[in-house]
Amino acid sequence: MKTKHALAAAVTLGVAAVLSYLVVGPVGDQDSVAAQSVRSSDSQRSGFTGSKQVPLVLRGSIEDARRRIDPTVFQPLGAKAYQILRLDDARPPGDALGYIRGLIPRSKSGDPLATFSIYLAVSDCRNYLSGAADRGPPVGAVGTSDLKNLEKTERKISECAALSTARDITEERWLETAARQGSMEAKLYYSIDSNSIIGDAADRVSHPEKVIEWKEQSISYLKEVAGTGNVDAIARLSSAYENGIMVDQNLELAYAYALAANMVKPDSSGPALISNLESNLSARQRESGVLLSRRIYKSCCTL
């Protein structure tokens, strides 16, 4: 799930209607040729045919995104780009159930930040109560930091005890609701925390249609968030097209998104990733990927 990356780097209904500007319009002969190249190679896999074009990102507003993100984790990267950097605890110290109950009225009134905060608190408690957050120190190596971690784990478990029996809260679909309400972070986490959306392995076997819906919605959310200038979403799209889990594999697009992410924040994709992708592309595909990366960057992250 790459939780550490999601927390450190750190997608709604009607996305296409609200942010319908597809970033594939003509901006020069070379870019048009590149877009046509990808359109042709991707059409059989993605269903785009004829005059339909591959939507690289859905153009949005960084100011609108800023209003839908906790200001303490919003980090600008220039005038029109940003990253989400969440390093502190998922919730404040104290009784988790009381904290969540205090947020529920705001959530019910449609506040996406409150709903996402509830999701983070529930997830935090679930991790500690299940033991997922307790890795434990190596045998015979108990230092000061290890003791602090042990104390923190014990405190978290105690704070989460009352919440563990509140099934009306723990079984609510907070992440899905927060994304639908417009939380930018929720739209990022949507593609990462698949268990919160489609359940465990048994649920996926019983309801394969939910898996298909999750994949399609994940890509839609990521392209929406990327269009507001978020480097985390751009890098996540590169990963999605590289591994071929949420969307059919397309290394040319993976390369383009990785390059675009590096334009926003140098080394955000890493030289090793770029080199690995390049090694699997032809010279024509690399040239096309470079042109497409410029198109993505111009559309999402420059004035």
C-alpha atoms as a PDB file:
ATOM      1  CA  MET A   1       0.000   0.000   0.000  1.00  0.00           C
ATOM      2  CA  LYS A   2       3.028   2.249   0.245  1.00  0.00           C
ATOM      3  CA  THR A   3       1.605   4.019   3.272  1.00  0.00           C
ATOM      4  CA  LYS A   4       4.835   5.785   4.093  1.00  0.00           C
ATOM      5  CA  HIS A   5       5.061   7.274   0.635  1.00  0.00           C
ATOM      6  CA  ALA A   6       1.399   8.298   0.727  1.00  0.00           C
ATOM      7  CA  LEU A   7       1.815  10.031   4.084  1.00  0.00           C
ATOM      8  CA  ALA A   8       5.066  11.718   3.192  1.00  0.00           C
ATOM      9  CA  ALA A   9       4.041  12.840  -0.272  1.00  0.00           C
ATOM     10  CA  ALA A  10       1.051  13.445   0.841  1.00  0.00           C
ATOM     11  CA  VAL A  11      -8.969  10.849  -5.738  1.00  0.00           C
ATOM     12  CA  THR A  12     -15.849  12.875  -7.364  1.00  0.00           C
ATOM     13  CA  LEU A  13     -19.001  12.570  -8.861  1.00  0.00           C
ATOM     14  CA  GLY A  14     -19.326  14.611 -12.025  1.00  0.00           C
ATOM     15  CA  VAL A  15     -15.579  15.049 -12.483  1.00  0.00           C
ATOM     16  CA  ALA A  16     -15.861  15.112 -16.242  1.00  0.00           C
ATOM     17  CA  ALA A  17     -18.661  17.677 -16.052  1.00  0.00           C
ATOM     18  CA  VAL A  18     -16.913  20.004 -13.612  1.00  0.00           C
ATOM     19  CA  LEU A  19     -13.358  19.702 -14.902  1.00  0.00           C
ATOM     20  CA  SER A  20     -14.009  18.628 -18.471  1.00  0.00           C
ATOM     21  CA  TYR A  21     -11.071  20.258 -20.215  1.00  0.00           C
ATOM     22  CA  LEU A  22      -9.084  17.301 -21.502  1.00  0.00           C
ATOM     23  CA  VAL A  23      -5.402  18.024 -21.818  1.00  0.00           C
ATOM     24  CA  VAL A  24      -4.929  16.777 -25.326  1.00  0.00           C
ATOM     25  CA  GLY A  25      -5.823  19.796 -27.497  1.00  0.00           C
ATOM     26  CA  PRO A  26      -3.470  20.964 -30.250  1.00  0.00           C
ATOM     27  CA  VAL A  27      -0.491  22.944 -29.002  1.00  0.00           C
ATOM     28  CA  GLY A  28       1.939  22.509 -31.852  1.00  0.00           C
ATOM     29  CA  ASP A  29       2.665  20.019 -34.604  1.00  0.00           C
ATOM     30  CA  GLN A  30       5.158  17.914 -32.659  1.00  0.00           C
ATOM     31  CA  ASP A  31       2.898  17.570 -29.628  1.00  0.00           C
ATOM     32  CA  SER A  32      -0.030  16.661 -31.864  1.00  0.00           C
ATOM     33  CA  VAL A  33       2.029  13.898 -33.467  1.00  0.00           C
ATOM     34  CA  ALA A  34       2.993  12.602 -30.027  1.00  0.00           C
ATOM     35  CA  ALA A  35      -0.593  12.633 -28.813  1.00  0.00           C
ATOM     36  CA  GLN A  36      -1.710  10.809 -31.963  1.00  0.00           C
ATOM     37  CA  SER A  37       1.019   8.219 -31.399  1.00  0.00           C
ATOM     38  CA  VAL A  38      -0.128   7.455 -27.898  1.00  0.00           C
ATOM     39  CA  ARG A  39      -3.742   7.587 -29.007  1.00  0.00           C
ATOM     40  CA  SER A  40      -3.054   4.887 -31.581  1.00  0.00           C
ATOM     41  CA  SER A  41      -1.033   2.633 -29.291  1.00  0.00           C
ATOM     42  CA  ASP A  42      -3.457   3.042 -26.392  1.00  0.00           C
ATOM     43  CA  SER A  43      -6.739   2.788 -28.292  1.00  0.00           C
ATOM     44  CA  GLN A  44      -7.044  -0.978 -28.267  1.00  0.00           C
ATOM     45  CA  ARG A  45      -6.300  -1.210 -24.565  1.00  0.00           C
ATOM     46  CA  SER A  46      -8.314   1.735 -23.273  1.00  0.00           C
ATOM     47  CA  GLY A  47     -11.226   1.806 -25.703  1.00  0.00           C
ATOM     48  CA  PHE A  48     -10.382   5.194 -27.254  1.00  0.00           C
ATOM     49  CA  THR A  49     -11.047   5.139 -30.965  1.00  0.00           C
ATOM     50  CA  GLY A  50     -11.471   7.524 -33.875  1.00  0.00           C
ATOM     51  CA  SER A  51     -11.395  11.167 -32.835  1.00  0.00           C
ATOM     52  CA  LYS A  52     -11.494  10.416 -29.111  1.00  0.00           C
ATOM     53  CA  GLN A  53      -8.308  11.344 -27.306  1.00  0.00           C
ATOM     54  CA  VAL A  54      -6.512  10.054 -24.237  1.00  0.00           C
ATOM     55  CA  PRO A  55      -7.229  12.375 -21.274  1.00  0.00           C
ATOM     56  CA  LEU A  56      -3.860  12.888 -19.627  1.00  0.00           C
ATOM     57  CA  VAL A  57      -5.181  15.072 -16.791  1.00  0.00           C
ATOM     58  CA  LEU A  58      -8.400  16.955 -16.097  1.00  0.00           C
ATOM     59  CA  ARG A  59      -7.543  20.624 -15.788  1.00  0.00           C
ATOM     60  CA  GLY A  60      -8.473  22.144 -12.435  1.00  0.00           C
ATOM     61  CA  SER A  61      -7.658  25.001 -10.079  1.00  0.00           C
ATOM     62  CA  ILE A  62      -4.962  24.972  -7.413  1.00  0.00           C
ATOM     63  CA  GLU A  63      -6.963  27.502  -5.401  1.00  0.00           C
ATOM     64  CA  ASP A  64      -9.987  25.225  -5.409  1.00  0.00           C
ATOM     65  CA  ALA A  65      -7.754  22.322  -4.379  1.00  0.00           C
ATOM     66  CA  ARG A  66      -6.238  24.369  -1.545  1.00  0.00           C
ATOM     67  CA  ARG A  67      -9.716  24.858  -0.037  1.00  0.00           C
ATOM     68  CA  ARG A  68     -10.216  21.092  -0.031  1.00  0.00           C
ATOM     69  CA  ILE A  69      -6.953  20.200   1.724  1.00  0.00           C
ATOM     70  CA  ASP A  70      -5.895  20.565   5.354  1.00  0.00           C
ATOM     71  CA  PRO A  71      -3.754  23.754   5.283  1.00  0.00           C
ATOM     72  CA  THR A  72      -1.184  22.141   7.606  1.00  0.00           C
ATOM     73  CA  VAL A  73      -0.268  19.552   4.933  1.00  0.00           C
ATOM     74  CA  PHE A  74      -0.541  21.736   1.813  1.00  0.00           C
ATOM     75  CA  GLN A  75       2.941  22.607   0.534  1.00  0.00           C
ATOM     76  CA  PRO A  76       3.213  24.898  -2.546  1.00  0.00           C
ATOM     77  CA  LEU A  77       5.724  24.030  -5.254  1.00  0.00           C
ATOM     78  CA  GLY A  78       5.634  27.224  -7.238  1.00  0.00           C
ATOM     79  CA  ALA A  79       2.624  29.297  -8.284  1.00  0.00           C
ATOM     80  CA  LYS A  80       0.517  26.464  -9.689  1.00  0.00           C
ATOM     81  CA  ALA A  81       1.790  23.202  -8.199  1.00  0.00           C
ATOM     82  CA  TYR A  82       1.891  21.618  -4.760  1.00  0.00           C
ATOM     83  CA  GLN A  83       2.457  18.472  -2.766  1.00  0.00           C
ATOM     84  CA  ILE A  84       0.700  17.038   0.270  1.00  0.00           C
ATOM     85  CA  LEU A  85       3.097  16.436   3.150  1.00  0.00           C
ATOM     86  CA  ARG A  86       1.532  14.721   6.154  1.00  0.00           C
ATOM     87  CA  LEU A  87       4.145  13.879   8.783  1.00  0.00           C
ATOM     88  CA  ASP A  88       2.282  14.283  12.072  1.00  0.00           C
ATOM     89  CA  ASP A  89      -0.017  11.742  13.722  1.00  0.00           C
ATOM     90  CA  ALA A  90      -3.243  10.978  11.893  1.00  0.00           C
ATOM     91  CA  ARG A  91      -5.252  12.389  14.813  1.00  0.00           C
ATOM     92  CA  PRO A  92      -4.630  14.448  17.953  1.00  0.00           C
ATOM     93  CA  PRO A  93      -3.917  12.691  21.279  1.00  0.00           C
ATOM     94  CA  GLY A  94      -6.875  11.699  23.437  1.00  0.00           C
ATOM     95  CA  ASP A  95     -10.009   9.591  23.174  1.00  0.00           C
ATOM     96  CA  ALA A  96     -10.431   8.673  19.507  1.00  0.00           C
ATOM     97  CA  LEU A  97     -14.173   8.064  19.754  1.00  0.00           C
ATOM     98  CA  GLY A  98     -14.802  11.459  21.333  1.00  0.00           C
ATOM     99  CA  TYR A  99     -12.672  13.146  18.671  1.00  0.00           C
ATOM    100  CA  ILE A 100     -14.606  11.452  15.874  1.00  0.00           C
ATOM    101  CA  ARG A 101     -18.022  12.178  17.374  1.00  0.00           C
ATOM    102  CA  GLY A 102     -17.056  15.836  17.450  1.00  0.00           C
ATOM    103  CA  LEU A 103     -16.386  15.749  13.695  1.00  0.00           C
ATOM    104  CA  ILE A 104     -19.488  13.834  12.628  1.00  0.00           C
ATOM    105  CA  PRO A 105     -21.857  16.856  12.516  1.00  0.00           C
ATOM    106  CA  ARG A 106     -19.471  18.676  10.162  1.00  0.00           C
ATOM    107  CA  SER A 107     -19.105  15.544   8.055  1.00  0.00           C
ATOM    108  CA  LYS A 108     -22.863  15.076   7.816  1.00  0.00           C
ATOM    109  CA  SER A 109     -23.176  18.679   6.643  1.00  0.00           C
ATOM    110  CA  GLY A 110     -20.822  17.921   3.739  1.00  0.00           C
ATOM    111  CA  ASP A 111     -17.428  19.050   5.069  1.00  0.00           C
ATOM    112  CA  PRO A 112     -14.836  16.933   3.184  1.00  0.00           C
ATOM    113  CA  LEU A 113     -11.992  17.821   5.555  1.00  0.00           C
ATOM    114  CA  ALA A 114     -13.972  16.595   8.570  1.00  0.00           C
ATOM    115  CA  THR A 115     -14.924  13.375   6.813  1.00  0.00           C
ATOM    116  CA  PHE A 116     -11.348  12.689   5.771  1.00  0.00           C
ATOM    117  CA  SER A 117     -10.155  13.393   9.319  1.00  0.00           C
ATOM    118  CA  ILE A 118     -12.586  10.747  10.553  1.00  0.00           C
ATOM    119  CA  TYR A 119     -11.210   8.302   7.994  1.00  0.00           C
ATOM    120  CA  LEU A 120      -7.655   8.976   9.183  1.00  0.00           C
ATOM    121  CA  ALA A 121      -8.628   8.509  12.836  1.00  0.00           C
ATOM    122  CA  VAL A 122     -10.485   5.239  12.184  1.00  0.00           C
ATOM    123  CA  SER A 123      -7.588   3.930  10.064  1.00  0.00           C
ATOM    124  CA  ASP A 124      -5.072   4.948  12.725  1.00  0.00           C
ATOM    125  CA  CYS A 125      -6.948   3.039  15.422  1.00  0.00           C
ATOM    126  CA  ARG A 126      -7.458   0.035  13.170  1.00  0.00           C
ATOM    127  CA  ASN A 127      -3.724  -0.151  12.534  1.00  0.00           C
ATOM    128  CA  TYR A 128      -2.799  -0.016  16.203  1.00  0.00           C
ATOM    129  CA  LEU A 129      -5.533  -2.372  17.397  1.00  0.00           C
ATOM    130  CA  SER A 130      -4.625  -4.934  14.724  1.00  0.00           C
ATOM    131  CA  GLY A 131      -0.909  -4.694  15.479  1.00  0.00           C
ATOM    132  CA  ALA A 132      -0.078  -3.427  11.980  1.00  0.00           C
ATOM    133  CA  ALA A 133       1.534  -0.296  13.414  1.00  0.00           C
ATOM    134  CA  ASP A 134       3.626  -2.218  15.958  1.00  0.00           C
ATOM    135  CA  ARG A 135       6.714  -3.606  14.272  1.00  0.00           C
ATOM    136  CA  GLY A 136       8.603  -4.064  17.521  1.00  0.00           C
ATOM    137  CA  PRO A 137      12.363  -3.571  18.120  1.00  0.00           C
ATOM    138  CA  PRO A 138      14.982  -6.196  17.214  1.00  0.00           C
ATOM    139  CA  VAL A 139      15.668  -8.778  19.917  1.00  0.00           C
ATOM    140  CA  GLY A 140      18.158  -7.443  22.466  1.00  0.00           C
ATOM    141  CA  ALA A 141      18.082  -3.917  21.012  1.00  0.00           C
ATOM    142  CA  VAL A 142      15.757  -1.850  23.178  1.00  0.00           C
ATOM    143  CA  GLY A 143      16.890   1.759  23.113  1.00  0.00           C
ATOM    144  CA  THR A 144      15.255   5.048  24.069  1.00  0.00           C
ATOM    145  CA  SER A 145      13.453   5.373  20.741  1.00  0.00           C
ATOM    146  CA  ASP A 146      12.126   1.824  21.033  1.00  0.00           C
ATOM    147  CA  LEU A 147      10.744   2.515  24.488  1.00  0.00           C
ATOM    148  CA  LYS A 148       9.087   5.680  23.194  1.00  0.00           C
ATOM    149  CA  ASN A 149       7.499   3.714  20.364  1.00  0.00           C
ATOM    150  CA  LEU A 150       6.252   1.113  22.836  1.00  0.00           C
ATOM    151  CA  GLU A 151       4.761   3.843  25.029  1.00  0.00           C
ATOM    152  CA  LYS A 152       3.126   5.412  21.993  1.00  0.00           C
ATOM    153  CA  THR A 153       1.623   2.077  20.943  1.00  0.00           C
ATOM    154  CA  GLU A 154       0.217   1.467  24.413  1.00  0.00           C
ATOM    155  CA  ARG A 155      -1.236   4.986  24.504  1.00  0.00           C
ATOM    156  CA  LYS A 156      -2.812   4.619  21.070  1.00  0.00           C
ATOM    157  CA  ILE A 157      -4.410   1.286  21.958  1.00  0.00           C
ATOM    158  CA  SER A 158      -5.860   2.793  25.125  1.00  0.00           C
ATOM    159  CA  GLU A 159      -7.193   5.824  23.242  1.00  0.00           C
ATOM    160  CA  CYS A 160      -8.798   3.583  20.603  1.00  0.00           C
ATOM    161  CA  ALA A 161     -10.440   1.120  22.997  1.00  0.00           C
ATOM    162  CA  ALA A 162     -13.880   2.771  23.027  1.00  0.00           C
ATOM    163  CA  LEU A 163     -13.879   3.197  19.248  1.00  0.00           C
ATOM    164  CA  SER A 164     -13.275  -0.524  18.715  1.00  0.00           C
ATOM    165  CA  THR A 165     -16.850  -1.310  19.800  1.00  0.00           C
ATOM    166  CA  ALA A 166     -18.512   1.541  17.874  1.00  0.00           C
ATOM    167  CA  ARG A 167     -19.273  -0.450  14.732  1.00  0.00           C
ATOM    168  CA  ASP A 168     -21.630   2.219  13.418  1.00  0.00           C
ATOM    169  CA  ILE A 169     -18.529   4.381  13.018  1.00  0.00           C
ATOM    170  CA  THR A 170     -15.802   1.870  12.176  1.00  0.00           C
ATOM    171  CA  GLU A 171     -17.853   0.247   9.391  1.00  0.00           C
ATOM    172  CA  GLU A 172     -18.854   3.532   7.733  1.00  0.00           C
ATOM    173  CA  ARG A 173     -17.304   4.215   4.310  1.00  0.00           C
ATOM    174  CA  TRP A 174     -15.539   7.428   5.315  1.00  0.00           C
ATOM    175  CA  LEU A 175     -12.876   7.438   2.585  1.00  0.00           C
ATOM    176  CA  GLU A 176     -15.387   6.981  -0.213  1.00  0.00           C
ATOM    177  CA  THR A 177     -17.624   9.690   1.254  1.00  0.00           C
ATOM    178  CA  ALA A 178     -14.738  12.138   1.717  1.00  0.00           C
ATOM    179  CA  ALA A 179     -13.659  11.666  -1.907  1.00  0.00           C
ATOM    180  CA  ARG A 180     -17.229  12.178  -3.122  1.00  0.00           C
ATOM    181  CA  GLN A 181     -17.474  15.350  -1.021  1.00  0.00           C
ATOM    182  CA  GLY A 182     -14.343  16.705  -2.705  1.00  0.00           C
ATOM    183  CA  SER A 183     -11.371  16.006  -0.413  1.00  0.00           C
ATOM    184  CA  MET A 184      -8.202  16.043  -2.527  1.00  0.00           C
ATOM    185  CA  GLU A 185      -6.380  13.800  -0.077  1.00  0.00           C
ATOM    186  CA  ALA A 186      -9.251  11.309  -0.086  1.00  0.00           C
ATOM    187  CA  LYS A 187      -9.071  11.142  -3.876  1.00  0.00           C
ATOM    188  CA  LEU A 188      -5.391  10.268  -3.602  1.00  0.00           C
ATOM    189  CA  TYR A 189      -5.923   7.692  -0.856  1.00  0.00           C
ATOM    190  CA  TYR A 190      -8.822   6.164  -2.832  1.00  0.00           C
ATOM    191  CA  SER A 191      -6.363   4.507  -5.203  1.00  0.00           C
ATOM    192  CA  ILE A 192      -4.059   3.436  -2.349  1.00  0.00           C
ATOM    193  CA  ASP A 193      -6.378   2.076   0.339  1.00  0.00           C
ATOM    194  CA  SER A 194      -8.372  -0.316  -1.819  1.00  0.00           C
ATOM    195  CA  ASN A 195      -9.514  -2.328   1.215  1.00  0.00           C
ATOM    196  CA  SER A 196     -11.574   0.615   2.428  1.00  0.00           C
ATOM    197  CA  ILE A 197     -13.340   0.780  -0.927  1.00  0.00           C
ATOM    198  CA  ILE A 198     -13.772  -2.810  -2.128  1.00  0.00           C
ATOM    199  CA  GLY A 199     -13.030  -4.886   0.960  1.00  0.00           C
ATOM    200  CA  ASP A 200     -10.780  -7.913   1.406  1.00  0.00           C
ATOM    201  CA  ALA A 201      -9.906 -10.711  -1.006  1.00  0.00           C
ATOM    202  CA  ALA A 202     -13.194 -12.534  -0.401  1.00  0.00           C
ATOM    203  CA  ASP A 203     -15.177  -9.370  -1.190  1.00  0.00           C
ATOM    204  CA  ARG A 204     -13.259  -8.898  -4.424  1.00  0.00           C
ATOM    205  CA  VAL A 205     -14.019 -12.433  -5.553  1.00  0.00           C
ATOM    206  CA  SER A 206     -17.700 -12.081  -4.654  1.00  0.00           C
ATOM    207  CA  HIS A 207     -18.099  -8.644  -6.234  1.00  0.00           C
ATOM    208  CA  PRO A 208     -15.732  -8.305  -9.220  1.00  0.00           C
ATOM    209  CA  GLU A 209     -17.803  -5.362 -10.470  1.00  0.00           C
ATOM    210  CA  LYS A 210     -16.607  -3.363  -7.447  1.00  0.00           C
ATOM    211  CA  VAL A 211     -13.001  -3.952  -8.479  1.00  0.00           C
ATOM    212  CA  ILE A 212     -13.699  -2.626 -11.971  1.00  0.00           C
ATOM    213  CA  GLU A 213     -15.471   0.423 -10.555  1.00  0.00           C
ATOM    214  CA  TRP A 214     -12.601   1.086  -8.118  1.00  0.00           C
ATOM    215  CA  LYS A 215     -10.036   0.965 -10.926  1.00  0.00           C
ATOM    216  CA  GLU A 216     -11.961   3.361 -13.147  1.00  0.00           C
ATOM    217  CA  GLN A 217     -12.759   5.782 -10.322  1.00  0.00           C
ATOM    218  CA  SER A 218      -9.180   5.693  -9.027  1.00  0.00           C
ATOM    219  CA  ILE A 219      -7.754   6.792 -12.377  1.00  0.00           C
ATOM    220  CA  SER A 220     -10.451   9.453 -12.754  1.00  0.00           C
ATOM    221  CA  TYR A 221      -9.679  10.859  -9.292  1.00  0.00           C
ATOM    222  CA  LEU A 222      -5.930  10.816  -9.904  1.00  0.00           C
ATOM    223  CA  LYS A 223      -6.285  12.692 -13.183  1.00  0.00           C
ATOM    224  CA  GLU A 224      -8.543  15.241 -11.502  1.00  0.00           C
ATOM    225  CA  VAL A 225      -6.113  15.850  -8.637  1.00  0.00           C
ATOM    226  CA  ALA A 226      -3.134  15.905 -11.026  1.00  0.00           C
ATOM    227  CA  GLY A 227      -4.919  18.609 -13.004  1.00  0.00           C
ATOM    228  CA  THR A 228      -4.853  20.899  -9.970  1.00  0.00           C
ATOM    229  CA  GLY A 229      -1.031  20.738  -9.912  1.00  0.00           C
ATOM    230  CA  ASN A 230      -0.519  17.947  -7.374  1.00  0.00           C
ATOM    231  CA  VAL A 231       2.804  16.176  -7.895  1.00  0.00           C
ATOM    232  CA  ASP A 232       1.719  13.187  -5.783  1.00  0.00           C
ATOM    233  CA  ALA A 233      -1.116  12.373  -8.205  1.00  0.00           C
ATOM    234  CA  ILE A 234       1.134  12.785 -11.248  1.00  0.00           C
ATOM    235  CA  ALA A 235       3.683  10.369  -9.772  1.00  0.00           C
ATOM    236  CA  ARG A 236       0.885   7.969  -8.815  1.00  0.00           C
ATOM    237  CA  LEU A 237      -0.380   7.980 -12.410  1.00  0.00           C
ATOM    238  CA  SER A 238       3.104   7.066 -13.586  1.00  0.00           C
ATOM    239  CA  SER A 239       3.088   4.127 -11.195  1.00  0.00           C
ATOM    240  CA  ALA A 240      -0.399   3.075 -12.315  1.00  0.00           C
ATOM    241  CA  TYR A 241       0.568   2.958 -15.994  1.00  0.00           C
ATOM    242  CA  GLU A 242       3.807   1.183 -15.154  1.00  0.00           C
ATOM    243  CA  ASN A 243       2.382  -1.669 -13.053  1.00  0.00           C
ATOM    244  CA  GLY A 244      -0.845  -2.104 -15.026  1.00  0.00           C
ATOM    245  CA  ILE A 245      -3.092  -2.883 -12.049  1.00  0.00           C
ATOM    246  CA  MET A 246      -5.583  -0.006 -12.095  1.00  0.00           C
ATOM    247  CA  VAL A 247      -5.272   0.580 -15.832  1.00  0.00           C
ATOM    248  CA  ASP A 248      -3.779  -1.297 -18.774  1.00  0.00           C
ATOM    249  CA  GLN A 249      -0.007  -1.065 -18.756  1.00  0.00           C
ATOM    250  CA  ASN A 250       1.451   1.687 -20.947  1.00  0.00           C
ATOM    251  CA  LEU A 251       5.123   2.356 -20.304  1.00  0.00           C
ATOM    252  CA  GLU A 252       5.162   5.339 -22.655  1.00  0.00           C
ATOM    253  CA  LEU A 253       2.543   7.108 -20.544  1.00  0.00           C
ATOM    254  CA  ALA A 254       4.273   5.964 -17.341  1.00  0.00           C
ATOM    255  CA  TYR A 255       7.433   7.622 -18.641  1.00  0.00           C
ATOM    256  CA  ALA A 256       5.576  10.818 -19.569  1.00  0.00           C
ATOM    257  CA  TYR A 257       3.970  11.162 -16.125  1.00  0.00           C
ATOM    258  CA  ALA A 258       7.279  10.417 -14.387  1.00  0.00           C
ATOM    259  CA  LEU A 259       9.037  13.128 -16.388  1.00  0.00           C
ATOM    260  CA  ALA A 260       6.209  15.577 -15.668  1.00  0.00           C
ATOM    261  CA  ALA A 261       6.430  14.847 -11.936  1.00  0.00           C
ATOM    262  CA  ASN A 262      10.157  15.584 -12.074  1.00  0.00           C
ATOM    263  CA  MET A 263       9.462  18.899 -13.796  1.00  0.00           C
ATOM    264  CA  VAL A 264       7.226  19.875 -10.889  1.00  0.00           C
ATOM    265  CA  LYS A 265       9.593  18.575  -8.228  1.00  0.00           C
ATOM    266  CA  PRO A 266      13.032  17.353  -9.326  1.00  0.00           C
ATOM    267  CA  ASP A 267      13.751  13.720  -8.436  1.00  0.00           C
ATOM    268  CA  SER A 268      10.184  13.124  -7.268  1.00  0.00           C
ATOM    269  CA  SER A 269      10.097  10.043  -9.514  1.00  0.00           C
ATOM    270  CA  GLY A 270      13.748   9.171  -9.020  1.00  0.00           C
ATOM    271  CA  PRO A 271      16.494   8.712 -11.639  1.00  0.00           C
ATOM    272  CA  ALA A 272      16.389   4.917 -11.255  1.00  0.00           C
ATOM    273  CA  LEU A 273      12.690   4.817 -12.200  1.00  0.00           C
ATOM    274  CA  ILE A 274      13.240   7.099 -15.196  1.00  0.00           C
ATOM    275  CA  SER A 275      16.181   5.016 -16.364  1.00  0.00           C
ATOM    276  CA  ASN A 276      14.243   1.770 -15.975  1.00  0.00           C
ATOM    277  CA  LEU A 277      11.314   3.095 -17.984  1.00  0.00           C
ATOM    278  CA  GLU A 278      13.610   4.446 -20.709  1.00  0.00           C
ATOM    279  CA  SER A 279      15.288   1.066 -21.076  1.00  0.00           C
ATOM    280  CA  ASN A 280      11.950  -0.480 -22.031  1.00  0.00           C
ATOM    281  CA  LEU A 281      11.040   2.128 -24.656  1.00  0.00           C
ATOM    282  CA  SER A 282      12.069   2.624 -28.241  1.00  0.00           C
ATOM    283  CA  ALA A 283      13.638   5.894 -29.367  1.00  0.00           C
ATOM    284  CA  ARG A 284      10.297   6.954 -30.880  1.00  0.00           C
ATOM    285  CA  GLN A 285       8.443   6.160 -27.650  1.00  0.00           C
ATOM    286  CA  ARG A 286      10.958   8.113 -25.581  1.00  0.00           C
ATOM    287  CA  GLU A 287      10.595  11.126 -27.873  1.00  0.00           C
ATOM    288  CA  SER A 288       6.798  10.873 -27.688  1.00  0.00           C
ATOM    289  CA  GLY A 289       6.940  10.512 -23.890  1.00  0.00           C
ATOM    290  CA  VAL A 290       9.014  13.677 -23.563  1.00  0.00           C
ATOM    291  CA  LEU A 291       6.532  15.669 -25.659  1.00  0.00           C
ATOM    292  CA  LEU A 292       3.590  14.299 -23.696  1.00  0.00           C
ATOM    293  CA  SER A 293       5.289  15.137 -20.396  1.00  0.00           C
ATOM    294  CA  ARG A 294       5.572  18.755 -21.519  1.00  0.00           C
ATOM    295  CA  ARG A 295       1.883  18.757 -22.367  1.00  0.00           C
ATOM    296  CA  ILE A 296       1.000  17.433 -18.907  1.00  0.00           C
ATOM    297  CA  TYR A 297       3.276  19.947 -17.199  1.00  0.00           C
ATOM    298  CA  LYS A 298       1.992  22.930 -19.176  1.00  0.00           C
ATOM    299  CA  SER A 299      -1.601  22.001 -18.475  1.00  0.00           C
ATOM    300  CA  CYS A 300      -1.414  21.278 -14.754  1.00  0.00           C
ATOM    301  CA  CYS A 301       1.481  23.116 -13.275  1.00  0.00           C
ATOM    302  CA  THR A 302       2.455  26.358 -15.044  1.00  0.00           C
ATOM    303  CA  LEU A 303       0.755  29.726 -15.340  1.00  0.00           C
END
